[in-house]
C-alpha atoms as a PDB file:
ATOM      1  CA  MET A   1       9.018  -2.463  27.806  1.00  0.00           C
ATOM      2  CA  THR A   2       7.690   0.059  25.038  1.00  0.00           C
ATOM      3  CA  ARG A   3       8.699  -1.395  21.755  1.00  0.00           C
ATOM      4  CA  THR A   4       9.868   1.584  19.141  1.00  0.00           C
ATOM      5  CA  ILE A   5       8.623   1.468  15.458  1.00  0.00           C
ATOM      6  CA  VAL A   6       9.853   3.745  12.632  1.00  0.00           C
ATOM      7  CA  VAL A   7       7.199   4.522   9.822  1.00  0.00           C
ATOM      8  CA  THR A   8       8.571   5.605   6.730  1.00  0.00           C
ATOM      9  CA  GLY A   9       6.108   7.369   4.117  1.00  0.00           C
ATOM     10  CA  ALA A  10       4.031   8.274   7.417  1.00  0.00           C
ATOM     11  CA  ASN A  11       1.963  11.001   5.967  1.00  0.00           C
ATOM     12  CA  GLY A  12       0.762   9.098   3.225  1.00  0.00           C
ATOM     13  CA  PHE A  13      -2.699   6.857   3.046  1.00  0.00           C
ATOM     14  CA  VAL A  14      -1.237   3.879   4.143  1.00  0.00           C
ATOM     15  CA  GLY A  15       1.162   5.313   6.468  1.00  0.00           C
ATOM     16  CA  SER A  16      -1.171   7.352   8.696  1.00  0.00           C
ATOM     17  CA  HIS A  17      -3.212   4.290   9.398  1.00  0.00           C
ATOM     18  CA  VAL A  18       0.205   2.287  10.706  1.00  0.00           C
ATOM     19  CA  VAL A  19       1.092   5.041  12.641  1.00  0.00           C
ATOM     20  CA  ALA A  20      -2.255   5.118  14.613  1.00  0.00           C
ATOM     21  CA  GLN A  21      -2.475   1.541  14.656  1.00  0.00           C
ATOM     22  CA  ALA A  22       0.999   1.373  16.481  1.00  0.00           C
ATOM     23  CA  ALA A  23       0.420   3.770  18.864  1.00  0.00           C
ATOM     24  CA  GLN A  24      -3.211   2.037  19.679  1.00  0.00           C
ATOM     25  CA  ARG A  25      -0.769  -1.064  20.377  1.00  0.00           C
ATOM     26  CA  GLY A  26       1.189   1.044  22.913  1.00  0.00           C
ATOM     27  CA  MET A  27       4.249   1.362  20.600  1.00  0.00           C
ATOM     28  CA  SER A  28       6.398   4.470  20.581  1.00  0.00           C
ATOM     29  CA  VAL A  29       6.150   5.645  17.294  1.00  0.00           C
ATOM     30  CA  TRP A  30       8.626   7.652  15.035  1.00  0.00           C
ATOM     31  CA  ALA A  31       7.637   8.852  12.017  1.00  0.00           C
ATOM     32  CA  ILE A  32       9.447  10.112   8.642  1.00  0.00           C
ATOM     33  CA  GLY A  33       8.043  11.918   5.885  1.00  0.00           C
ATOM     34  CA  ARG A  34       9.364  14.330   3.350  1.00  0.00           C
ATOM     35  CA  GLU A  35       7.175  17.177   4.613  1.00  0.00           C
ATOM     36  CA  ARG A  36       8.419  19.710   6.616  1.00  0.00           C
ATOM     37  CA  GLU A  37       5.729  18.923   9.322  1.00  0.00           C
ATOM     38  CA  PRO A  38       3.965  15.947  10.124  1.00  0.00           C
ATOM     39  CA  SER A  39       0.090  15.761   9.168  1.00  0.00           C
ATOM     40  CA  ALA A  40      -2.544  16.105  11.799  1.00  0.00           C
ATOM     41  CA  GLY A  41      -3.161  12.530  12.105  1.00  0.00           C
ATOM     42  CA  VAL A  42       0.750  11.493  12.212  1.00  0.00           C
ATOM     43  CA  SER A  43       1.101  14.463  14.898  1.00  0.00           C
ATOM     44  CA  ALA A  44      -1.595  13.145  17.162  1.00  0.00           C
ATOM     45  CA  HIS A  45       0.041   9.714  17.318  1.00  0.00           C
ATOM     46  CA  ALA A  46       3.843  10.000  16.797  1.00  0.00           C
ATOM     47  CA  ASP A  47       6.437  10.559  19.409  1.00  0.00           C
ATOM     48  CA  ARG A  48       9.058  11.806  17.121  1.00  0.00           C
ATOM     49  CA  TYR A  49       8.991  13.058  13.409  1.00  0.00           C
ATOM     50  CA  PHE A  50      11.932  13.364  11.371  1.00  0.00           C
ATOM     51  CA  SER A  51      11.529  15.372   7.974  1.00  0.00           C
ATOM     52  CA  ALA A  52      14.066  13.810   5.424  1.00  0.00           C
ATOM     53  CA  ASP A  53      14.330  13.022   2.154  1.00  0.00           C
ATOM     54  CA  LEU A  54      15.342   9.233   2.160  1.00  0.00           C
ATOM     55  CA  ALA A  55      16.742   9.270  -1.109  1.00  0.00           C
ATOM     56  CA  ASP A  56      19.491  11.444   0.436  1.00  0.00           C
ATOM     57  CA  GLU A  57      20.242   9.829   3.871  1.00  0.00           C
ATOM     58  CA  TRP A  58      18.688   7.675   6.392  1.00  0.00           C
ATOM     59  CA  PRO A  59      17.862  10.130   9.530  1.00  0.00           C
ATOM     60  CA  VAL A  60      17.313   7.579  12.363  1.00  0.00           C
ATOM     61  CA  ARG A  61      20.423   6.859  14.590  1.00  0.00           C
ATOM     62  CA  ASP A  62      19.265   5.481  17.607  1.00  0.00           C
ATOM     63  CA  ALA A  63      18.130   1.820  18.242  1.00  0.00           C
ATOM     64  CA  VAL A  64      14.631   0.732  17.234  1.00  0.00           C
ATOM     65  CA  ASP A  65      12.729  -2.491  17.306  1.00  0.00           C
ATOM     66  CA  ALA A  66      11.175  -2.280  13.652  1.00  0.00           C
ATOM     67  CA  VAL A  67      10.860  -0.460  10.674  1.00  0.00           C
ATOM     68  CA  VAL A  68       7.910  -0.245   8.284  1.00  0.00           C
ATOM     69  CA  HIS A  69       9.392   1.134   5.001  1.00  0.00           C
ATOM     70  CA  LEU A  70       6.557   2.635   3.084  1.00  0.00           C
ATOM     71  CA  ALA A  71       8.146   5.423   1.620  1.00  0.00           C
ATOM     72  CA  GLY A  72       9.252   5.823  -2.441  1.00  0.00           C
ATOM     73  CA  LEU A  73       7.620   6.442  -5.608  1.00  0.00           C
ATOM     74  CA  ALA A  74       4.291   4.831  -5.844  1.00  0.00           C
ATOM     75  CA  ALA A  75       1.542   4.357  -8.814  1.00  0.00           C
ATOM     76  CA  VAL A  76       2.292   2.428 -11.879  1.00  0.00           C
ATOM     77  CA  GLY A  77       1.206   5.063 -14.517  1.00  0.00           C
ATOM     78  CA  PRO A  78       3.184   7.792 -13.617  1.00  0.00           C
ATOM     79  CA  SER A  79       6.312   5.640 -13.809  1.00  0.00           C
ATOM     80  CA  PHE A  80       6.314   5.260 -17.614  1.00  0.00           C
ATOM     81  CA  ALA A  81       7.103   9.012 -17.987  1.00  0.00           C
ATOM     82  CA  ASN A  82       9.822   8.713 -15.517  1.00  0.00           C
ATOM     83  CA  PRO A  83      11.372   5.424 -15.517  1.00  0.00           C
ATOM     84  CA  GLN A  84      14.870   5.908 -14.350  1.00  0.00           C
ATOM     85  CA  ARG A  85      13.520   8.020 -11.696  1.00  0.00           C
ATOM     86  CA  TYR A  86      11.273   5.509 -10.372  1.00  0.00           C
ATOM     87  CA  ILE A  87      14.028   2.567 -10.251  1.00  0.00           C
ATOM     88  CA  GLU A  88      16.783   5.156  -8.992  1.00  0.00           C
ATOM     89  CA  ILE A  89      14.799   6.640  -5.984  1.00  0.00           C
ATOM     90  CA  ASN A  90      13.148   3.594  -4.689  1.00  0.00           C
ATOM     91  CA  SER A  91      16.721   1.511  -4.731  1.00  0.00           C
ATOM     92  CA  ARG A  92      18.500   4.575  -3.328  1.00  0.00           C
ATOM     93  CA  ILE A  93      16.037   4.770  -0.124  1.00  0.00           C
ATOM     94  CA  MET A  94      16.649   0.919   0.309  1.00  0.00           C
ATOM     95  CA  THR A  95      20.374   1.285  -0.027  1.00  0.00           C
ATOM     96  CA  HIS A  96      20.621   4.267   2.475  1.00  0.00           C
ATOM     97  CA  LEU A  97      18.350   2.199   5.077  1.00  0.00           C
ATOM     98  CA  GLY A  98      20.608  -1.001   4.685  1.00  0.00           C
ATOM     99  CA  GLU A  99      23.939   0.518   4.631  1.00  0.00           C
ATOM    100  CA  SER A 100      23.009   2.351   7.824  1.00  0.00           C
ATOM    101  CA  LEU A 101      21.930  -0.355   9.566  1.00  0.00           C
ATOM    102  CA  LEU A 102      24.913  -2.436   8.668  1.00  0.00           C
ATOM    103  CA  GLU A 103      27.388   0.336   9.973  1.00  0.00           C
ATOM    104  CA  SER A 104      25.258   0.728  13.066  1.00  0.00           C
ATOM    105  CA  GLY A 105      25.310  -2.850  14.269  1.00  0.00           C
ATOM    106  CA  ALA A 106      21.389  -2.695  14.614  1.00  0.00           C
ATOM    107  CA  ARG A 107      18.990  -5.312  13.660  1.00  0.00           C
ATOM    108  CA  PRO A 108      15.542  -4.179  13.962  1.00  0.00           C
ATOM    109  CA  ARG A 109      12.944  -6.216  11.776  1.00  0.00           C
ATOM    110  CA  LEU A 110      12.226  -4.467   8.645  1.00  0.00           C
ATOM    111  CA  VAL A 111       9.151  -4.972   6.660  1.00  0.00           C
ATOM    112  CA  VAL A 112       9.576  -3.456   3.173  1.00  0.00           C
ATOM    113  CA  VAL A 113       6.726  -2.717   1.279  1.00  0.00           C
ATOM    114  CA  SER A 114       6.373  -3.945  -2.507  1.00  0.00           C
ATOM    115  CA  SER A 115       3.410  -4.620  -4.483  1.00  0.00           C
ATOM    116  CA  GLY A 116       1.183  -7.166  -5.699  1.00  0.00           C
ATOM    117  CA  ALA A 117       1.390  -5.681  -9.202  1.00  0.00           C
ATOM    118  CA  VAL A 118       4.980  -7.588  -9.566  1.00  0.00           C
ATOM    119  CA  TYR A 119       2.979 -10.843 -10.528  1.00  0.00           C
ATOM    120  CA  ALA A 120       2.630 -12.079 -14.293  1.00  0.00           C
ATOM    121  CA  PRO A 121      -0.918 -12.772 -15.117  1.00  0.00           C
ATOM    122  CA  THR A 122      -1.940 -16.504 -14.649  1.00  0.00           C
ATOM    123  CA  PRO A 123      -5.186 -18.542 -16.174  1.00  0.00           C
ATOM    124  CA  SER A 124      -6.911 -18.448 -12.866  1.00  0.00           C
ATOM    125  CA  GLY A 125      -6.254 -14.960 -11.755  1.00  0.00           C
ATOM    126  CA  THR A 126      -4.930 -15.884  -8.552  1.00  0.00           C
ATOM    127  CA  VAL A 127      -1.254 -15.780  -7.463  1.00  0.00           C
ATOM    128  CA  ASP A 128       0.709 -16.610  -4.484  1.00  0.00           C
ATOM    129  CA  GLU A 129       4.249 -16.034  -3.311  1.00  0.00           C
ATOM    130  CA  THR A 130       5.674 -18.865  -5.581  1.00  0.00           C
ATOM    131  CA  SER A 131       4.086 -17.340  -8.604  1.00  0.00           C
ATOM    132  CA  ALA A 132       5.770 -15.685 -11.601  1.00  0.00           C
ATOM    133  CA  THR A 133       6.664 -12.297 -11.934  1.00  0.00           C
ATOM    134  CA  PHE A 134       6.694  -9.783 -14.905  1.00  0.00           C
ATOM    135  CA  ALA A 135       8.183  -6.716 -15.216  1.00  0.00           C
ATOM    136  CA  SER A 136       5.203  -4.928 -16.580  1.00  0.00           C
ATOM    137  CA  SER A 137       5.998  -1.189 -15.836  1.00  0.00           C
ATOM    138  CA  PRO A 138       9.229   0.916 -14.550  1.00  0.00           C
ATOM    139  CA  TYR A 139       7.296   0.927 -10.795  1.00  0.00           C
ATOM    140  CA  VAL A 140       7.328  -2.850 -10.942  1.00  0.00           C
ATOM    141  CA  VAL A 141      10.908  -3.153 -12.132  1.00  0.00           C
ATOM    142  CA  ALA A 142      11.701  -0.540  -9.085  1.00  0.00           C
ATOM    143  CA  LYS A 143       9.742  -2.958  -6.781  1.00  0.00           C
ATOM    144  CA  LEU A 144      11.269  -6.177  -8.009  1.00  0.00           C
ATOM    145  CA  LEU A 145      14.727  -4.585  -7.384  1.00  0.00           C
ATOM    146  CA  VAL A 146      14.067  -3.412  -4.135  1.00  0.00           C
ATOM    147  CA  GLU A 147      12.943  -7.011  -3.275  1.00  0.00           C
ATOM    148  CA  GLN A 148      16.477  -8.319  -4.579  1.00  0.00           C
ATOM    149  CA  GLN A 149      17.985  -5.515  -2.176  1.00  0.00           C
ATOM    150  CA  CYS A 150      16.218  -7.313   0.658  1.00  0.00           C
ATOM    151  CA  ARG A 151      17.628 -10.253   0.059  1.00  0.00           C
ATOM    152  CA  TYR A 152      21.159  -8.847  -0.148  1.00  0.00           C
ATOM    153  CA  TYR A 153      21.090  -7.380   3.105  1.00  0.00           C
ATOM    154  CA  ALA A 154      19.242 -10.374   4.752  1.00  0.00           C
ATOM    155  CA  GLY A 155      22.353 -12.035   3.325  1.00  0.00           C
ATOM    156  CA  ARG A 156      24.606  -9.465   5.159  1.00  0.00           C
ATOM    157  CA  GLY A 157      22.774 -10.338   8.467  1.00  0.00           C
ATOM    158  CA  LEU A 158      19.774  -7.727   8.695  1.00  0.00           C
ATOM    159  CA  ASP A 159      16.327  -9.161   9.594  1.00  0.00           C
ATOM    160  CA  VAL A 160      14.432  -8.370   6.671  1.00  0.00           C
ATOM    161  CA  LEU A 161      11.121  -9.163   4.717  1.00  0.00           C
ATOM    162  CA  ALA A 162       8.999  -7.963   2.068  1.00  0.00           C
ATOM    163  CA  ALA A 163       5.563  -7.811   1.580  1.00  0.00           C
ATOM    164  CA  ARG A 164       3.488  -7.598  -1.292  1.00  0.00           C
ATOM    165  CA  PRO A 165      -0.062  -5.703  -0.904  1.00  0.00           C
ATOM    166  CA  PHE A 166      -2.949  -5.881  -3.615  1.00  0.00           C
ATOM    167  CA  ASN A 167      -5.084  -3.079  -3.795  1.00  0.00           C
ATOM    168  CA  HIS A 168      -6.075  -1.356  -0.730  1.00  0.00           C
ATOM    169  CA  ILE A 169      -8.999   0.854   0.102  1.00  0.00           C
ATOM    170  CA  GLY A 170     -10.456   2.951   2.743  1.00  0.00           C
ATOM    171  CA  PRO A 171     -10.671   6.328   4.397  1.00  0.00           C
ATOM    172  CA  GLY A 172      -7.993   8.821   3.411  1.00  0.00           C
ATOM    173  CA  GLN A 173      -7.531   7.631   0.049  1.00  0.00           C
ATOM    174  CA  SER A 174      -6.586  10.337  -2.392  1.00  0.00           C
ATOM    175  CA  LEU A 175      -7.555  10.734  -6.148  1.00  0.00           C
ATOM    176  CA  GLY A 176      -6.195   8.672  -8.644  1.00  0.00           C
ATOM    177  CA  PHE A 177      -7.586   5.481  -7.420  1.00  0.00           C
ATOM    178  CA  ILE A 178     -10.796   3.606  -8.601  1.00  0.00           C
ATOM    179  CA  VAL A 179     -12.977   4.610  -5.201  1.00  0.00           C
ATOM    180  CA  PRO A 180     -12.192   8.191  -4.770  1.00  0.00           C
ATOM    181  CA  ASP A 181     -12.281   8.662  -8.669  1.00  0.00           C
ATOM    182  CA  LEU A 182     -15.832   6.974  -9.025  1.00  0.00           C
ATOM    183  CA  THR A 183     -17.401   8.450  -5.978  1.00  0.00           C
ATOM    184  CA  ALA A 184     -16.121  12.171  -7.299  1.00  0.00           C
ATOM    185  CA  ALA A 185     -17.356  11.403 -10.370  1.00  0.00           C
ATOM    186  CA  VAL A 186     -21.013  10.290  -9.374  1.00  0.00           C
ATOM    187  CA  GLY A 187     -21.168  12.844  -6.872  1.00  0.00           C
ATOM    188  CA  GLN A 188     -20.412  15.453 -10.051  1.00  0.00           C
ATOM    189  CA  ALA A 189     -22.962  13.495 -12.249  1.00  0.00           C
ATOM    190  CA  THR A 190     -25.754  15.238 -13.843  1.00  0.00           C
ATOM    191  CA  ALA A 191     -28.615  13.537 -15.920  1.00  0.00           C
ATOM    192  CA  ASP A 192     -27.340  14.644 -19.178  1.00  0.00           C
ATOM    193  CA  ALA A 193     -23.567  14.041 -18.421  1.00  0.00           C
ATOM    194  CA  PRO A 194     -22.474  10.419 -18.117  1.00  0.00           C
ATOM    195  CA  ILE A 195     -19.491   9.631 -16.238  1.00  0.00           C
ATOM    196  CA  ARG A 196     -16.552   8.324 -18.142  1.00  0.00           C
ATOM    197  CA  VAL A 197     -14.906   5.267 -16.985  1.00  0.00           C
ATOM    198  CA  GLY A 198     -12.251   2.426 -17.733  1.00  0.00           C
ATOM    199  CA  ASN A 199     -12.848  -1.101 -17.937  1.00  0.00           C
ATOM    200  CA  LEU A 200     -15.162  -1.909 -15.150  1.00  0.00           C
ATOM    201  CA  ALA A 201     -15.428  -5.365 -15.885  1.00  0.00           C
ATOM    202  CA  ALA A 202     -11.734  -6.184 -14.454  1.00  0.00           C
ATOM    203  CA  ARG A 203     -11.848  -7.675 -11.228  1.00  0.00           C
ATOM    204  CA  ARG A 204      -9.225  -7.175  -8.684  1.00  0.00           C
ATOM    205  CA  ASP A 205      -8.518  -7.803  -4.970  1.00  0.00           C
ATOM    206  CA  TYR A 206      -9.193  -5.081  -2.515  1.00  0.00           C
ATOM    207  CA  THR A 207      -8.311  -5.158   0.947  1.00  0.00           C
ATOM    208  CA  ASP A 208      -9.118  -2.318   3.421  1.00  0.00           C
ATOM    209  CA  VAL A 209      -6.314  -0.065   4.506  1.00  0.00           C
ATOM    210  CA  ARG A 210      -6.712  -0.818   7.958  1.00  0.00           C
ATOM    211  CA  ASP A 211      -6.394  -4.736   7.294  1.00  0.00           C
ATOM    212  CA  VAL A 212      -2.998  -3.939   5.508  1.00  0.00           C
ATOM    213  CA  ALA A 213      -1.629  -1.611   8.150  1.00  0.00           C
ATOM    214  CA  SER A 214      -2.503  -4.348  10.690  1.00  0.00           C
ATOM    215  CA  ALA A 215      -0.754  -6.940   8.631  1.00  0.00           C
ATOM    216  CA  TYR A 216       2.504  -4.618   8.567  1.00  0.00           C
ATOM    217  CA  LEU A 217       2.625  -4.206  12.182  1.00  0.00           C
ATOM    218  CA  THR A 218       1.710  -8.304  12.446  1.00  0.00           C
ATOM    219  CA  LEU A 219       5.223  -8.752  10.342  1.00  0.00           C
ATOM    220  CA  ALA A 220       6.942  -6.187  12.304  1.00  0.00           C
ATOM    221  CA  THR A 221       6.213  -7.464  15.797  1.00  0.00           C
ATOM    222  CA  ALA A 222       6.492 -11.285  15.264  1.00  0.00           C
ATOM    223  CA  PRO A 223       9.141 -13.172  16.975  1.00  0.00           C
ATOM    224  CA  SER A 224      10.600 -14.594  14.013  1.00  0.00           C
ATOM    225  CA  HIS A 225       9.018 -15.330  10.218  1.00  0.00           C
ATOM    226  CA  ALA A 226       9.741 -18.490   8.460  1.00  0.00           C
ATOM    227  CA  HIS A 227       9.669 -16.578   4.857  1.00  0.00           C
ATOM    228  CA  ASP A 228      11.191 -13.444   3.462  1.00  0.00           C
ATOM    229  CA  LEU A 229       8.179 -12.813   1.280  1.00  0.00           C
ATOM    230  CA  TYR A 230       4.282 -12.330   1.944  1.00  0.00           C
ATOM    231  CA  ASN A 231       1.037 -11.540   0.324  1.00  0.00           C
ATOM    232  CA  ILE A 232      -1.404  -9.385   1.904  1.00  0.00           C
ATOM    233  CA  SER A 233      -4.749  -9.979   0.270  1.00  0.00           C
ATOM    234  CA  THR A 234      -8.431 -11.121   0.380  1.00  0.00           C
ATOM    235  CA  GLY A 235      -8.132 -13.834  -1.959  1.00  0.00           C
ATOM    236  CA  ALA A 236     -11.356 -12.498  -3.531  1.00  0.00           C
ATOM    237  CA  SER A 237     -11.969 -10.195  -6.065  1.00  0.00           C
ATOM    238  CA  GLN A 238     -14.538  -7.499  -7.073  1.00  0.00           C
ATOM    239  CA  SER A 239     -15.420  -5.503 -10.213  1.00  0.00           C
ATOM    240  CA  GLY A 240     -15.190  -1.829 -10.977  1.00  0.00           C
ATOM    241  CA  GLU A 241     -18.959  -2.222 -11.521  1.00  0.00           C
ATOM    242  CA  ASP A 242     -19.448  -3.558  -8.000  1.00  0.00           C
ATOM    243  CA  ILE A 243     -17.529  -0.640  -6.533  1.00  0.00           C
ATOM    244  CA  LEU A 244     -19.862   1.720  -8.676  1.00  0.00           C
ATOM    245  CA  ARG A 245     -23.253  -0.106  -7.359  1.00  0.00           C
ATOM    246  CA  VAL A 246     -22.000   0.365  -3.857  1.00  0.00           C
ATOM    247  CA  ILE A 247     -20.841   4.134  -4.250  1.00  0.00           C
ATOM    248  CA  GLY A 248     -24.008   5.010  -5.730  1.00  0.00           C
ATOM    249  CA  GLU A 249     -26.279   3.161  -3.294  1.00  0.00           C
ATOM    250  CA  THR A 250     -24.257   5.208  -0.561  1.00  0.00           C
ATOM    251  CA  LEU A 251     -24.428   8.583  -2.251  1.00  0.00           C
ATOM    252  CA  GLY A 252     -27.909   7.662  -3.144  1.00  0.00           C
ATOM    253  CA  ARG A 253     -27.788   8.354  -6.902  1.00  0.00           C
ATOM    254  CA  ASN A 254     -29.190   6.140  -9.208  1.00  0.00           C
ATOM    255  CA  ASP A 255     -29.655   8.814 -12.004  1.00  0.00           C
ATOM    256  CA  PHE A 256     -26.416   8.611 -13.828  1.00  0.00           C
ATOM    257  CA  GLY A 257     -25.159   7.104 -16.965  1.00  0.00           C
ATOM    258  CA  VAL A 258     -21.705   5.286 -17.729  1.00  0.00           C
ATOM    259  CA  GLU A 259     -20.033   5.762 -20.805  1.00  0.00           C
ATOM    260  CA  ILE A 260     -16.549   4.233 -21.522  1.00  0.00           C
ATOM    261  CA  ASP A 261     -13.452   6.156 -22.219  1.00  0.00           C
ATOM    262  CA  PRO A 262     -11.046   4.346 -24.640  1.00  0.00           C
ATOM    263  CA  ALA A 263      -8.310   6.694 -23.008  1.00  0.00           C
ATOM    264  CA  ARG A 264      -8.782   4.733 -19.770  1.00  0.00           C
ATOM    265  CA  ILE A 265      -8.521   1.387 -21.162  1.00  0.00           C
ATOM    266  CA  ARG A 266      -5.240  -0.479 -20.108  1.00  0.00           C
ATOM    267  CA  PRO A 267      -3.704  -2.853 -22.866  1.00  0.00           C
ATOM    268  CA  ASN A 268      -3.849  -6.450 -21.951  1.00  0.00           C
ATOM    269  CA  ASP A 269      -5.582  -5.668 -18.315  1.00  0.00           C
ATOM    270  CA  PRO A 270      -6.026  -9.278 -16.816  1.00  0.00           C
ATOM    271  CA  PRO A 271      -9.637  -9.911 -16.427  1.00  0.00           C
ATOM    272  CA  ARG A 272      -9.379 -11.148 -12.649  1.00  0.00           C
ATOM    273  CA  ILE A 273      -6.538 -10.526 -10.148  1.00  0.00           C
ATOM    274  CA  ALA A 274      -6.564 -12.008  -6.474  1.00  0.00           C
ATOM    275  CA  GLY A 275      -3.741 -12.546  -4.180  1.00  0.00           C
ATOM    276  CA  ASP A 276      -3.426 -15.657  -2.055  1.00  0.00           C
ATOM    277  CA  SER A 277      -2.426 -14.892   1.503  1.00  0.00           C
ATOM    278  CA  THR A 278      -2.498 -18.589   2.809  1.00  0.00           C
ATOM    279  CA  ARG A 279       1.199 -18.021   4.038  1.00  0.00           C
ATOM    280  CA  LEU A 280       0.347 -15.059   6.245  1.00  0.00           C
ATOM    281  CA  ARG A 281      -2.619 -16.359   7.293  1.00  0.00           C
ATOM    282  CA  GLU A 282      -1.254 -19.832   8.558  1.00  0.00           C
ATOM    283  CA  GLU A 283       1.810 -18.328  10.084  1.00  0.00           C
ATOM    284  CA  PHE A 284       0.561 -15.346  12.154  1.00  0.00           C
ATOM    285  CA  GLY A 285      -3.354 -15.776  11.828  1.00  0.00           C
ATOM    286  CA  TRP A 286      -3.719 -12.473  10.133  1.00  0.00           C
ATOM    287  CA  VAL A 287      -7.146 -12.310   8.425  1.00  0.00           C
ATOM    288  CA  PRO A 288      -8.800  -9.375   6.838  1.00  0.00           C
ATOM    289  CA  THR A 289     -11.668  -8.056   9.283  1.00  0.00           C
ATOM    290  CA  ILE A 290     -13.364  -5.442   7.032  1.00  0.00           C
ATOM    291  CA  PRO A 291     -15.716  -6.325   4.132  1.00  0.00           C
ATOM    292  CA  TRP A 292     -14.730  -4.528   0.819  1.00  0.00           C
ATOM    293  CA  GLU A 293     -18.400  -2.661   0.635  1.00  0.00           C
ATOM    294  CA  GLN A 294     -17.757  -1.297   4.354  1.00  0.00           C
ATOM    295  CA  SER A 295     -14.232   0.299   3.013  1.00  0.00           C
ATOM    296  CA  VAL A 296     -16.005   2.161   0.320  1.00  0.00           C
ATOM    297  CA  ARG A 297     -18.768   3.505   2.549  1.00  0.00           C
ATOM    298  CA  ASP A 298     -16.268   4.441   5.296  1.00  0.00           C
ATOM    299  CA  TYR A 299     -14.230   6.435   2.655  1.00  0.00           C
ATOM    300  CA  ILE A 300     -17.211   8.261   1.652  1.00  0.00           C
ATOM    301  CA  ALA A 301     -18.126   9.026   5.297  1.00  0.00           C
ATOM    302  CA  ALA A 302     -14.724  10.311   5.920  1.00  0.00           C
ATOM    303  CA  THR A 303     -14.366  12.434   2.517  1.00  0.00           C
ATOM    304  CA  ASP A 304     -17.800  13.881   3.550  1.00  0.00           C
ATOM    305  CA  ARG A 305     -16.565  14.704   7.349  1.00  0.00           C
ATOM    306  CA  SER A 306     -13.306  16.327   5.690  1.00  0.00           C
ATOM    307  CA  SER A 307     -15.004  18.539   3.309  1.00  0.00           C
ATOM    308  CA  ALA A 308     -17.783  19.622   5.781  1.00  0.00           C
END
């Protein structure tokens, strides 16, 4: 019997990978996006597409087996300028989803995507699901609120869990994140104009987007789950300097200078952040398979193809 999965935020960076992998696994994929039409990649793999603003309604009325919920306002930086909008929209989407399922009586597995950004800094820099959280931005406040909604709906009988992915990279990512931004800067650099950067010494846990998508589908299709919260991460960390080195090597560029831009330095930026994903690995056997260096190279190759 073919399993049916709904993917919200399907046209986005991560959503497009989840849609493609679900179809490759033989699942029937129903995609939801705010855009009137699905992206080319989603259109190639989805059996149905719903154009909807999930802050207004949950559009799926038929029974499905699982939902991977990626939709919502993302990115930490912009949330400071629109705090109430981030909190309200992300929460409203979860309310519409949960109430619709309660009313229909359907009980698909819900994988609701939160963020590794919710954790408070620790001396070691490594955090697991039991580590303390800290409301460091309106974006984080919204994610923590949605996690509490997940627990509420679990108490009402829904089969729901939350995933906390850490930084993810790979083909298809847009500007506004470290790999796309540094790649663009290096590509445009000249000998007399150094690229301007933030704190490249900070170390972060980077997982390839394809491994992240695989983790979501693992959680969505598992017969059962022992916990309601799972980190998705590699457990290792790389610096921005490491990433810049691989970008330079891949582009064949070593002729650029680097200059620190004070405006890009975040106050109280932790020197290291990494996620412990032991819970996910031991319970389901998930492991990241794509080295971060390959993720960077694959991003650059995909960007070159799309601009050719």
